[in-house]
Structures are given as C-alpha cells and as structure tokens.
Amino acid sequence: MIRIPLDITYANDTKEQVTAIGKDAIAFERQYDKPISALGTRLEYMWFIAWHALKRTNKTELPFDDWLDTVGEIKDEEATDIVPLERSQPTGS
C-alpha cells in the first residue's frame, strides 16, 4: 500500500498534513505518464500529489495552478533538516 505523509506550509504560515494514498499515486501516473518512483525528481510532482490528496479529502477546491499560489513549502517524511555539529570534528594530524 502506498502512503506518503506530507507536511504543507502555506504562504500565510498555516500548516496542514495530508497522506497521499494509492489513488493519488495513480492520478499522478495518469497526469504525467511517469511511474510514482519519479516523484522526487521534479518539484511539481510532489506538489501535484499533495494537491491531489487535499482535493481527494475535500481540503481544497482550488484548481492546481491556483492552489500553487497559496503554498510556501511541502515536505515529505523523508525530508530532514541538516543539524550542524555542536563543535568542529577533528580532521586528523
């Protein structure tokens, strides 16, 4: 089963979570004629699947391009922030 948890931050700083499922993955494949494994290769792909999941769950009625104007950022569960080291690591002597 396909489940892709997504965190959406809108341009007005509100946040929303949605989980894309198989139906959203199939809509993606039909829209772009690419397998779901191509999802991380282009920004538009991730945003489309987030929009489709929101549309499927009745959390937006906006067309895709109009919805894009409202979004600031989308992260999937694999996206992580890089945390700097607290101190420099030795490079050898």
PDB file of N, CA and C in Angstrom:
ATOM      1  N   MET A   1       0.838  -1.177   0.000  1.00  0.00           N
ATOM      2  CA  MET A   1       0.000   0.000   0.000  1.00  0.00           C
ATOM      3  C   MET A   1       0.883   1.241   0.000  1.00  0.00           C
ATOM      4  N   ILE A   2       0.512   2.208  -0.776  1.00  0.00           N
ATOM      5  CA  ILE A   2       1.254   3.462  -0.856  1.00  0.00           C
ATOM      6  C   ILE A   2       0.668   4.452   0.133  1.00  0.00           C
ATOM      7  N   ARG A   3       1.535   4.997   0.987  1.00  0.00           N
ATOM      8  CA  ARG A   3       1.141   6.045   1.925  1.00  0.00           C
ATOM      9  C   ARG A   3       2.302   7.026   1.990  1.00  0.00           C
ATOM     10  N   ILE A   4       2.040   8.261   1.591  1.00  0.00           N
ATOM     11  CA  ILE A   4       3.079   9.291   1.590  1.00  0.00           C
ATOM     12  C   ILE A   4       2.604  10.441   2.471  1.00  0.00           C
ATOM     13  N   PRO A   5       3.103  10.524   3.712  1.00  0.00           N
ATOM     14  CA  PRO A   5       2.723  11.637   4.578  1.00  0.00           C
ATOM     15  C   PRO A   5       3.403  12.928   4.099  1.00  0.00           C
ATOM     16  N   LEU A   6       2.622  13.997   4.011  1.00  0.00           N
ATOM     17  CA  LEU A   6       3.139  15.271   3.526  1.00  0.00           C
ATOM     18  C   LEU A   6       2.787  16.396   4.494  1.00  0.00           C
ATOM     19  N   ASP A   7       3.750  17.257   4.738  1.00  0.00           N
ATOM     20  CA  ASP A   7       3.540  18.451   5.562  1.00  0.00           C
ATOM     21  C   ASP A   7       3.538  19.656   4.639  1.00  0.00           C
ATOM     22  N   ILE A   8       2.446  20.408   4.650  1.00  0.00           N
ATOM     23  CA  ILE A   8       2.282  21.559   3.770  1.00  0.00           C
ATOM     24  C   ILE A   8       2.302  22.823   4.623  1.00  0.00           C
ATOM     25  N   THR A   9       3.128  23.768   4.232  1.00  0.00           N
ATOM     26  CA  THR A   9       3.143  25.091   4.852  1.00  0.00           C
ATOM     27  C   THR A   9       2.677  26.077   3.796  1.00  0.00           C
ATOM     28  N   TYR A  10       1.625  26.794   4.116  1.00  0.00           N
ATOM     29  CA  TYR A  10       1.068  27.755   3.173  1.00  0.00           C
ATOM     30  C   TYR A  10       1.812  29.081   3.255  1.00  0.00           C
ATOM     31  N   ALA A  11       1.600  29.920   2.269  1.00  0.00           N
ATOM     32  CA  ALA A  11       2.265  31.222   2.206  1.00  0.00           C
ATOM     33  C   ALA A  11       1.925  32.084   3.426  1.00  0.00           C
ATOM     34  N   ASN A  12       0.762  31.857   4.040  1.00  0.00           N
ATOM     35  CA  ASN A  12       0.374  32.620   5.231  1.00  0.00           C
ATOM     36  C   ASN A  12       0.842  31.947   6.528  1.00  0.00           C
ATOM     37  N   ASP A  13       1.754  30.963   6.408  1.00  0.00           N
ATOM     38  CA  ASP A  13       2.368  30.235   7.521  1.00  0.00           C
ATOM     39  C   ASP A  13       1.458  29.251   8.240  1.00  0.00           C
ATOM     40  N   THR A  14       0.239  29.015   7.746  1.00  0.00           N
ATOM     41  CA  THR A  14      -0.566  27.950   8.333  1.00  0.00           C
ATOM     42  C   THR A  14      -0.022  26.622   7.820  1.00  0.00           C
ATOM     43  N   LYS A  15      -0.262  25.580   8.597  1.00  0.00           N
ATOM     44  CA  LYS A  15       0.278  24.260   8.262  1.00  0.00           C
ATOM     45  C   LYS A  15      -0.851  23.245   8.176  1.00  0.00           C
ATOM     46  N   GLU A  16      -0.609  22.239   7.357  1.00  0.00           N
ATOM     47  CA  GLU A  16      -1.585  21.173   7.186  1.00  0.00           C
ATOM     48  C   GLU A  16      -0.835  19.886   6.856  1.00  0.00           C
ATOM     49  N   GLN A  17      -1.387  18.778   7.293  1.00  0.00           N
ATOM     50  CA  GLN A  17      -0.809  17.479   6.962  1.00  0.00           C
ATOM     51  C   GLN A  17      -1.836  16.681   6.171  1.00  0.00           C
ATOM     52  N   VAL A  18      -1.322  15.924   5.220  1.00  0.00           N
ATOM     53  CA  VAL A  18      -2.174  15.055   4.414  1.00  0.00           C
ATOM     54  C   VAL A  18      -1.352  13.823   4.044  1.00  0.00           C
ATOM     55  N   THR A  19      -2.019  12.711   3.843  1.00  0.00           N
ATOM     56  CA  THR A  19      -1.342  11.494   3.419  1.00  0.00           C
ATOM     57  C   THR A  19      -1.848  11.102   2.042  1.00  0.00           C
ATOM     58  N   ALA A  20      -0.927  11.066   1.099  1.00  0.00           N
ATOM     59  CA  ALA A  20      -1.263  10.609  -0.247  1.00  0.00           C
ATOM     60  C   ALA A  20      -1.346   9.079  -0.223  1.00  0.00           C
ATOM     61  N   ILE A  21      -2.309   8.545  -0.940  1.00  0.00           N
ATOM     62  CA  ILE A  21      -2.507   7.087  -0.992  1.00  0.00           C
ATOM     63  C   ILE A  21      -2.465   6.624  -2.457  1.00  0.00           C
ATOM     64  N   GLY A  22      -2.772   5.370  -2.664  1.00  0.00           N
ATOM     65  CA  GLY A  22      -2.726   4.781  -3.992  1.00  0.00           C
ATOM     66  C   GLY A  22      -3.503   5.555  -5.038  1.00  0.00           C
ATOM     67  N   LYS A  23      -4.684   6.039  -4.705  1.00  0.00           N
ATOM     68  CA  LYS A  23      -5.497   6.795  -5.664  1.00  0.00           C
ATOM     69  C   LYS A  23      -4.759   8.042  -6.135  1.00  0.00           C
ATOM     70  N   ASP A  24      -4.053   8.688  -5.218  1.00  0.00           N
ATOM     71  CA  ASP A  24      -3.283   9.887  -5.578  1.00  0.00           C
ATOM     72  C   ASP A  24      -2.096   9.509  -6.460  1.00  0.00           C
ATOM     73  N   ALA A  25      -1.459   8.381  -6.162  1.00  0.00           N
ATOM     74  CA  ALA A  25      -0.328   7.907  -6.957  1.00  0.00           C
ATOM     75  C   ALA A  25      -0.780   7.580  -8.383  1.00  0.00           C
ATOM     76  N   ILE A  26      -1.931   6.964  -8.523  1.00  0.00           N
ATOM     77  CA  ILE A  26      -2.446   6.642  -9.850  1.00  0.00           C
ATOM     78  C   ILE A  26      -2.796   7.917 -10.609  1.00  0.00           C
ATOM     79  N   ALA A  27      -3.380   8.898  -9.927  1.00  0.00           N
ATOM     80  CA  ALA A  27      -3.671  10.186 -10.573  1.00  0.00           C
ATOM     81  C   ALA A  27      -2.381  10.838 -11.060  1.00  0.00           C
ATOM     82  N   PHE A  28      -1.324  10.748 -10.257  1.00  0.00           N
ATOM     83  CA  PHE A  28      -0.015  11.276 -10.655  1.00  0.00           C
ATOM     84  C   PHE A  28       0.477  10.573 -11.918  1.00  0.00           C
ATOM     85  N   GLU A  29       0.432   9.244 -11.926  1.00  0.00           N
ATOM     86  CA  GLU A  29       0.920   8.485 -13.076  1.00  0.00           C
ATOM     87  C   GLU A  29       0.120   8.795 -14.342  1.00  0.00           C
ATOM     88  N   ARG A  30      -1.172   8.983 -14.196  1.00  0.00           N
ATOM     89  CA  ARG A  30      -2.003   9.336 -15.351  1.00  0.00           C
ATOM     90  C   ARG A  30      -1.714  10.753 -15.837  1.00  0.00           C
ATOM     91  N   GLN A  31      -1.505  11.670 -14.899  1.00  0.00           N
ATOM     92  CA  GLN A  31      -1.269  13.071 -15.243  1.00  0.00           C
ATOM     93  C   GLN A  31       0.059  13.254 -15.980  1.00  0.00           C
ATOM     94  N   TYR A  32       1.110  12.611 -15.481  1.00  0.00           N
ATOM     95  CA  TYR A  32       2.462  12.851 -16.003  1.00  0.00           C
ATOM     96  C   TYR A  32       3.013  11.690 -16.847  1.00  0.00           C
ATOM     97  N   ASP A  33       2.288  10.602 -16.956  1.00  0.00           N
ATOM     98  CA  ASP A  33       2.732   9.417 -17.691  1.00  0.00           C
ATOM     99  C   ASP A  33       4.120   8.983 -17.220  1.00  0.00           C
ATOM    100  N   LYS A  34       4.294   8.964 -15.912  1.00  0.00           N
ATOM    101  CA  LYS A  34       5.544   8.548 -15.281  1.00  0.00           C
ATOM    102  C   LYS A  34       5.190   7.670 -14.081  1.00  0.00           C
ATOM    103  N   PRO A  35       6.075   6.751 -13.716  1.00  0.00           N
ATOM    104  CA  PRO A  35       5.813   5.931 -12.530  1.00  0.00           C
ATOM    105  C   PRO A  35       5.956   6.768 -11.257  1.00  0.00           C
ATOM    106  N   ILE A  36       5.312   6.335 -10.208  1.00  0.00           N
ATOM    107  CA  ILE A  36       5.369   7.050  -8.932  1.00  0.00           C
ATOM    108  C   ILE A  36       6.800   7.155  -8.416  1.00  0.00           C
ATOM    109  N   SER A  37       7.683   6.282  -8.857  1.00  0.00           N
ATOM    110  CA  SER A  37       9.084   6.357  -8.430  1.00  0.00           C
ATOM    111  C   SER A  37       9.763   7.631  -8.925  1.00  0.00           C
ATOM    112  N   ALA A  38       9.175   8.332  -9.884  1.00  0.00           N
ATOM    113  CA  ALA A  38       9.728   9.594 -10.386  1.00  0.00           C
ATOM    114  C   ALA A  38       9.343  10.776  -9.494  1.00  0.00           C
ATOM    115  N   LEU A  39       8.592  10.526  -8.445  1.00  0.00           N
ATOM    116  CA  LEU A  39       8.042  11.591  -7.610  1.00  0.00           C
ATOM    117  C   LEU A  39       9.076  12.602  -7.126  1.00  0.00           C
ATOM    118  N   GLY A  40      10.234  12.150  -6.703  1.00  0.00           N
ATOM    119  CA  GLY A  40      11.232  13.056  -6.154  1.00  0.00           C
ATOM    120  C   GLY A  40      12.123  13.725  -7.179  1.00  0.00           C
ATOM    121  N   THR A  41      11.850  13.527  -8.467  1.00  0.00           N
ATOM    122  CA  THR A  41      12.739  14.068  -9.489  1.00  0.00           C
ATOM    123  C   THR A  41      12.371  15.463  -9.962  1.00  0.00           C
ATOM    124  N   ARG A  42      11.208  15.946  -9.585  1.00  0.00           N
ATOM    125  CA  ARG A  42      10.754  17.266 -10.034  1.00  0.00           C
ATOM    126  C   ARG A  42       9.822  17.841  -8.981  1.00  0.00           C
ATOM    127  N   LEU A  43      10.030  19.090  -8.614  1.00  0.00           N
ATOM    128  CA  LEU A  43       9.240  19.742  -7.575  1.00  0.00           C
ATOM    129  C   LEU A  43       7.740  19.678  -7.871  1.00  0.00           C
ATOM    130  N   GLU A  44       7.366  19.912  -9.097  1.00  0.00           N
ATOM    131  CA  GLU A  44       5.949  19.907  -9.460  1.00  0.00           C
ATOM    132  C   GLU A  44       5.273  18.582  -9.119  1.00  0.00           C
ATOM    133  N   TYR A  45       6.010  17.487  -9.235  1.00  0.00           N
ATOM    134  CA  TYR A  45       5.426  16.178  -8.973  1.00  0.00           C
ATOM    135  C   TYR A  45       4.970  16.046  -7.522  1.00  0.00           C
ATOM    136  N   MET A  46       5.820  16.436  -6.579  1.00  0.00           N
ATOM    137  CA  MET A  46       5.460  16.357  -5.160  1.00  0.00           C
ATOM    138  C   MET A  46       4.278  17.270  -4.851  1.00  0.00           C
ATOM    139  N   TRP A  47       4.305  18.455  -5.430  1.00  0.00           N
ATOM    140  CA  TRP A  47       3.229  19.405  -5.173  1.00  0.00           C
ATOM    141  C   TRP A  47       1.913  18.910  -5.775  1.00  0.00           C
ATOM    142  N   PHE A  48       1.973  18.271  -6.929  1.00  0.00           N
ATOM    143  CA  PHE A  48       0.756  17.736  -7.535  1.00  0.00           C
ATOM    144  C   PHE A  48       0.136  16.660  -6.656  1.00  0.00           C
ATOM    145  N   ILE A  49       0.978  15.755  -6.165  1.00  0.00           N
ATOM    146  CA  ILE A  49       0.422  14.665  -5.367  1.00  0.00           C
ATOM    147  C   ILE A  49      -0.142  15.194  -4.040  1.00  0.00           C
ATOM    148  N   ALA A  50       0.479  16.237  -3.475  1.00  0.00           N
ATOM    149  CA  ALA A  50      -0.067  16.867  -2.264  1.00  0.00           C
ATOM    150  C   ALA A  50      -1.424  17.503  -2.572  1.00  0.00           C
ATOM    151  N   TRP A  51      -1.478  18.241  -3.672  1.00  0.00           N
ATOM    152  CA  TRP A  51      -2.742  18.877  -4.068  1.00  0.00           C
ATOM    153  C   TRP A  51      -3.827  17.834  -4.309  1.00  0.00           C
ATOM    154  N   HIS A  52      -3.470  16.758  -4.993  1.00  0.00           N
ATOM    155  CA  HIS A  52      -4.467  15.735  -5.295  1.00  0.00           C
ATOM    156  C   HIS A  52      -4.996  15.092  -4.014  1.00  0.00           C
ATOM    157  N   ALA A  53      -4.103  14.840  -3.051  1.00  0.00           N
ATOM    158  CA  ALA A  53      -4.531  14.264  -1.776  1.00  0.00           C
ATOM    159  C   ALA A  53      -5.462  15.230  -1.032  1.00  0.00           C
ATOM    160  N   LEU A  54      -5.144  16.519  -1.071  1.00  0.00           N
ATOM    161  CA  LEU A  54      -6.021  17.511  -0.429  1.00  0.00           C
ATOM    162  C   LEU A  54      -7.374  17.584  -1.138  1.00  0.00           C
ATOM    163  N   LYS A  55      -7.341  17.546  -2.446  1.00  0.00           N
ATOM    164  CA  LYS A  55      -8.585  17.580  -3.219  1.00  0.00           C
ATOM    165  C   LYS A  55      -9.434  16.343  -2.933  1.00  0.00           C
ATOM    166  N   ARG A  56      -8.776  15.177  -2.884  1.00  0.00           N
ATOM    167  CA  ARG A  56      -9.488  13.922  -2.605  1.00  0.00           C
ATOM    168  C   ARG A  56     -10.163  13.952  -1.243  1.00  0.00           C
ATOM    169  N   THR A  57      -9.516  14.593  -0.269  1.00  0.00           N
ATOM    170  CA  THR A  57     -10.050  14.638   1.095  1.00  0.00           C
ATOM    171  C   THR A  57     -10.890  15.892   1.351  1.00  0.00           C
ATOM    172  N   ASN A  58     -11.245  16.583   0.278  1.00  0.00           N
ATOM    173  CA  ASN A  58     -12.088  17.797   0.356  1.00  0.00           C
ATOM    174  C   ASN A  58     -11.490  18.908   1.205  1.00  0.00           C
ATOM    175  N   LYS A  59     -10.160  19.010   1.208  1.00  0.00           N
ATOM    176  CA  LYS A  59      -9.494  20.083   1.949  1.00  0.00           C
ATOM    177  C   LYS A  59      -9.158  21.266   1.051  1.00  0.00           C
ATOM    178  N   THR A  60      -9.354  21.116  -0.254  1.00  0.00           N
ATOM    179  CA  THR A  60      -9.235  22.239  -1.182  1.00  0.00           C
ATOM    180  C   THR A  60     -10.166  22.000  -2.360  1.00  0.00           C
ATOM    181  N   GLU A  61     -10.690  23.095  -2.876  1.00  0.00           N
ATOM    182  CA  GLU A  61     -11.482  23.051  -4.096  1.00  0.00           C
ATOM    183  C   GLU A  61     -10.778  23.805  -5.219  1.00  0.00           C
ATOM    184  N   LEU A  62      -9.624  24.393  -4.897  1.00  0.00           N
ATOM    185  CA  LEU A  62      -8.906  25.194  -5.881  1.00  0.00           C
ATOM    186  C   LEU A  62      -8.321  24.324  -6.991  1.00  0.00           C
ATOM    187  N   PRO A  63      -8.329  24.837  -8.224  1.00  0.00           N
ATOM    188  CA  PRO A  63      -7.584  24.150  -9.282  1.00  0.00           C
ATOM    189  C   PRO A  63      -6.095  24.158  -8.925  1.00  0.00           C
ATOM    190  N   PHE A  64      -5.347  23.205  -9.477  1.00  0.00           N
ATOM    191  CA  PHE A  64      -3.938  23.026  -9.124  1.00  0.00           C
ATOM    192  C   PHE A  64      -3.135  24.324  -9.214  1.00  0.00           C
ATOM    193  N   ASP A  65      -3.204  25.019 -10.344  1.00  0.00           N
ATOM    194  CA  ASP A  65      -2.394  26.231 -10.508  1.00  0.00           C
ATOM    195  C   ASP A  65      -2.770  27.326  -9.515  1.00  0.00           C
ATOM    196  N   ASP A  66      -4.052  27.466  -9.191  1.00  0.00           N
ATOM    197  CA  ASP A  66      -4.467  28.455  -8.194  1.00  0.00           C
ATOM    198  C   ASP A  66      -3.986  28.056  -6.804  1.00  0.00           C
ATOM    199  N   TRP A  67      -4.038  26.759  -6.507  1.00  0.00           N
ATOM    200  CA  TRP A  67      -3.579  26.260  -5.211  1.00  0.00           C
ATOM    201  C   TRP A  67      -2.085  26.513  -5.033  1.00  0.00           C
ATOM    202  N   LEU A  68      -1.311  26.366  -6.132  1.00  0.00           N
ATOM    203  CA  LEU A  68       0.133  26.623  -6.066  1.00  0.00           C
ATOM    204  C   LEU A  68       0.447  28.012  -5.525  1.00  0.00           C
ATOM    205  N   ASP A  69      -0.388  28.992  -5.868  1.00  0.00           N
ATOM    206  CA  ASP A  69      -0.173  30.361  -5.393  1.00  0.00           C
ATOM    207  C   ASP A  69      -0.285  30.491  -3.883  1.00  0.00           C
ATOM    208  N   THR A  70      -0.916  29.521  -3.224  1.00  0.00           N
ATOM    209  CA  THR A  70      -1.144  29.613  -1.780  1.00  0.00           C
ATOM    210  C   THR A  70      -0.090  28.882  -0.948  1.00  0.00           C
ATOM    211  N   VAL A  71       0.777  28.093  -1.608  1.00  0.00           N
ATOM    212  CA  VAL A  71       1.690  27.197  -0.891  1.00  0.00           C
ATOM    213  C   VAL A  71       3.087  27.795  -0.782  1.00  0.00           C
ATOM    214  N   GLY A  72       3.678  27.642   0.401  1.00  0.00           N
ATOM    215  CA  GLY A  72       5.047  28.082   0.618  1.00  0.00           C
ATOM    216  C   GLY A  72       6.048  26.952   0.542  1.00  0.00           C
ATOM    217  N   GLU A  73       5.683  25.774   1.110  1.00  0.00           N
ATOM    218  CA  GLU A  73       6.635  24.664   1.186  1.00  0.00           C
ATOM    219  C   GLU A  73       5.884  23.352   1.397  1.00  0.00           C
ATOM    220  N   ILE A  74       6.459  22.285   0.856  1.00  0.00           N
ATOM    221  CA  ILE A  74       5.932  20.939   1.097  1.00  0.00           C
ATOM    222  C   ILE A  74       7.106  20.041   1.436  1.00  0.00           C
ATOM    223  N   LYS A  75       6.936  19.235   2.482  1.00  0.00           N
ATOM    224  CA  LYS A  75       7.963  18.259   2.881  1.00  0.00           C
ATOM    225  C   LYS A  75       7.310  16.907   3.026  1.00  0.00           C
ATOM    226  N   ASP A  76       8.033  15.878   2.599  1.00  0.00           N
ATOM    227  CA  ASP A  76       7.565  14.529   2.873  1.00  0.00           C
ATOM    228  C   ASP A  76       8.316  14.026   4.098  1.00  0.00           C
ATOM    229  N   GLU A  77       7.954  12.852   4.596  1.00  0.00           N
ATOM    230  CA  GLU A  77       8.559  12.374   5.847  1.00  0.00           C
ATOM    231  C   GLU A  77      10.047  12.122   5.713  1.00  0.00           C
ATOM    232  N   GLU A  78      10.551  11.957   4.487  1.00  0.00           N
ATOM    233  CA  GLU A  78      11.978  11.726   4.301  1.00  0.00           C
ATOM    234  C   GLU A  78      12.779  13.015   4.315  1.00  0.00           C
ATOM    235  N   ALA A  79      12.118  14.146   4.147  1.00  0.00           N
ATOM    236  CA  ALA A  79      12.832  15.418   4.159  1.00  0.00           C
ATOM    237  C   ALA A  79      13.279  15.725   5.586  1.00  0.00           C
ATOM    238  N   THR A  80      14.532  16.011   5.739  1.00  0.00           N
ATOM    239  CA  THR A  80      15.052  16.322   7.063  1.00  0.00           C
ATOM    240  C   THR A  80      15.927  17.558   6.981  1.00  0.00           C
ATOM    241  N   ASP A  81      15.943  18.303   8.040  1.00  0.00           N
ATOM    242  CA  ASP A  81      16.830  19.450   8.125  1.00  0.00           C
ATOM    243  C   ASP A  81      18.190  18.964   8.591  1.00  0.00           C
ATOM    244  N   ILE A  82      19.231  19.542   8.043  1.00  0.00           N
ATOM    245  CA  ILE A  82      20.579  19.187   8.462  1.00  0.00           C
ATOM    246  C   ILE A  82      20.910  19.984   9.712  1.00  0.00           C
ATOM    247  N   VAL A  83      21.250  19.282  10.764  1.00  0.00           N
ATOM    248  CA  VAL A  83      21.568  19.917  12.032  1.00  0.00           C
ATOM    249  C   VAL A  83      23.090  20.068  12.117  1.00  0.00           C
ATOM    250  N   PRO A  84      23.566  21.295  12.334  1.00  0.00           N
ATOM    251  CA  PRO A  84      25.019  21.473  12.409  1.00  0.00           C
ATOM    252  C   PRO A  84      25.597  20.798  13.653  1.00  0.00           C
ATOM    253  N   LEU A  85      26.848  20.401  13.555  1.00  0.00           N
ATOM    254  CA  LEU A  85      27.528  19.820  14.702  1.00  0.00           C
ATOM    255  C   LEU A  85      27.729  20.888  15.760  1.00  0.00           C
ATOM    256  N   GLU A  86      27.715  20.470  17.024  1.00  0.00           N
ATOM    257  CA  GLU A  86      27.902  21.424  18.105  1.00  0.00           C
ATOM    258  C   GLU A  86      29.329  21.945  18.158  1.00  0.00           C
ATOM    259  N   ARG A  87      30.258  21.132  17.718  1.00  0.00           N
ATOM    260  CA  ARG A  87      31.650  21.575  17.670  1.00  0.00           C
ATOM    261  C   ARG A  87      32.303  20.941  16.463  1.00  0.00           C
ATOM    262  N   SER A  88      33.377  21.536  16.028  1.00  0.00           N
ATOM    263  CA  SER A  88      34.084  21.033  14.857  1.00  0.00           C
ATOM    264  C   SER A  88      34.672  19.662  15.136  1.00  0.00           C
ATOM    265  N   GLN A  89      34.663  18.828  14.131  1.00  0.00           N
ATOM    266  CA  GLN A  89      35.243  17.500  14.252  1.00  0.00           C
ATOM    267  C   GLN A  89      36.705  17.558  13.840  1.00  0.00           C
ATOM    268  N   PRO A  90      37.542  16.762  14.481  1.00  0.00           N
ATOM    269  CA  PRO A  90      38.968  16.768  14.115  1.00  0.00           C
ATOM    270  C   PRO A  90      39.153  16.243  12.686  1.00  0.00           C
ATOM    271  N   THR A  91      40.123  16.822  12.003  1.00  0.00           N
ATOM    272  CA  THR A  91      40.390  16.417  10.628  1.00  0.00           C
ATOM    273  C   THR A  91      41.607  15.512  10.542  1.00  0.00           C
ATOM    274  N   GLY A  92      42.240  15.220  11.641  1.00  0.00           N
ATOM    275  CA  GLY A  92      43.432  14.365  11.657  1.00  0.00           C
ATOM    276  C   GLY A  92      44.681  15.205  11.881  1.00  0.00           C
ATOM    277  N   SER A  93      45.778  14.518  12.168  1.00  0.00           N
ATOM    278  CA  SER A  93      47.027  15.275  12.383  1.00  0.00           C
ATOM    279  C   SER A  93      48.184  14.678  11.651  1.00  0.00           C
TER     280      SER A  93
END
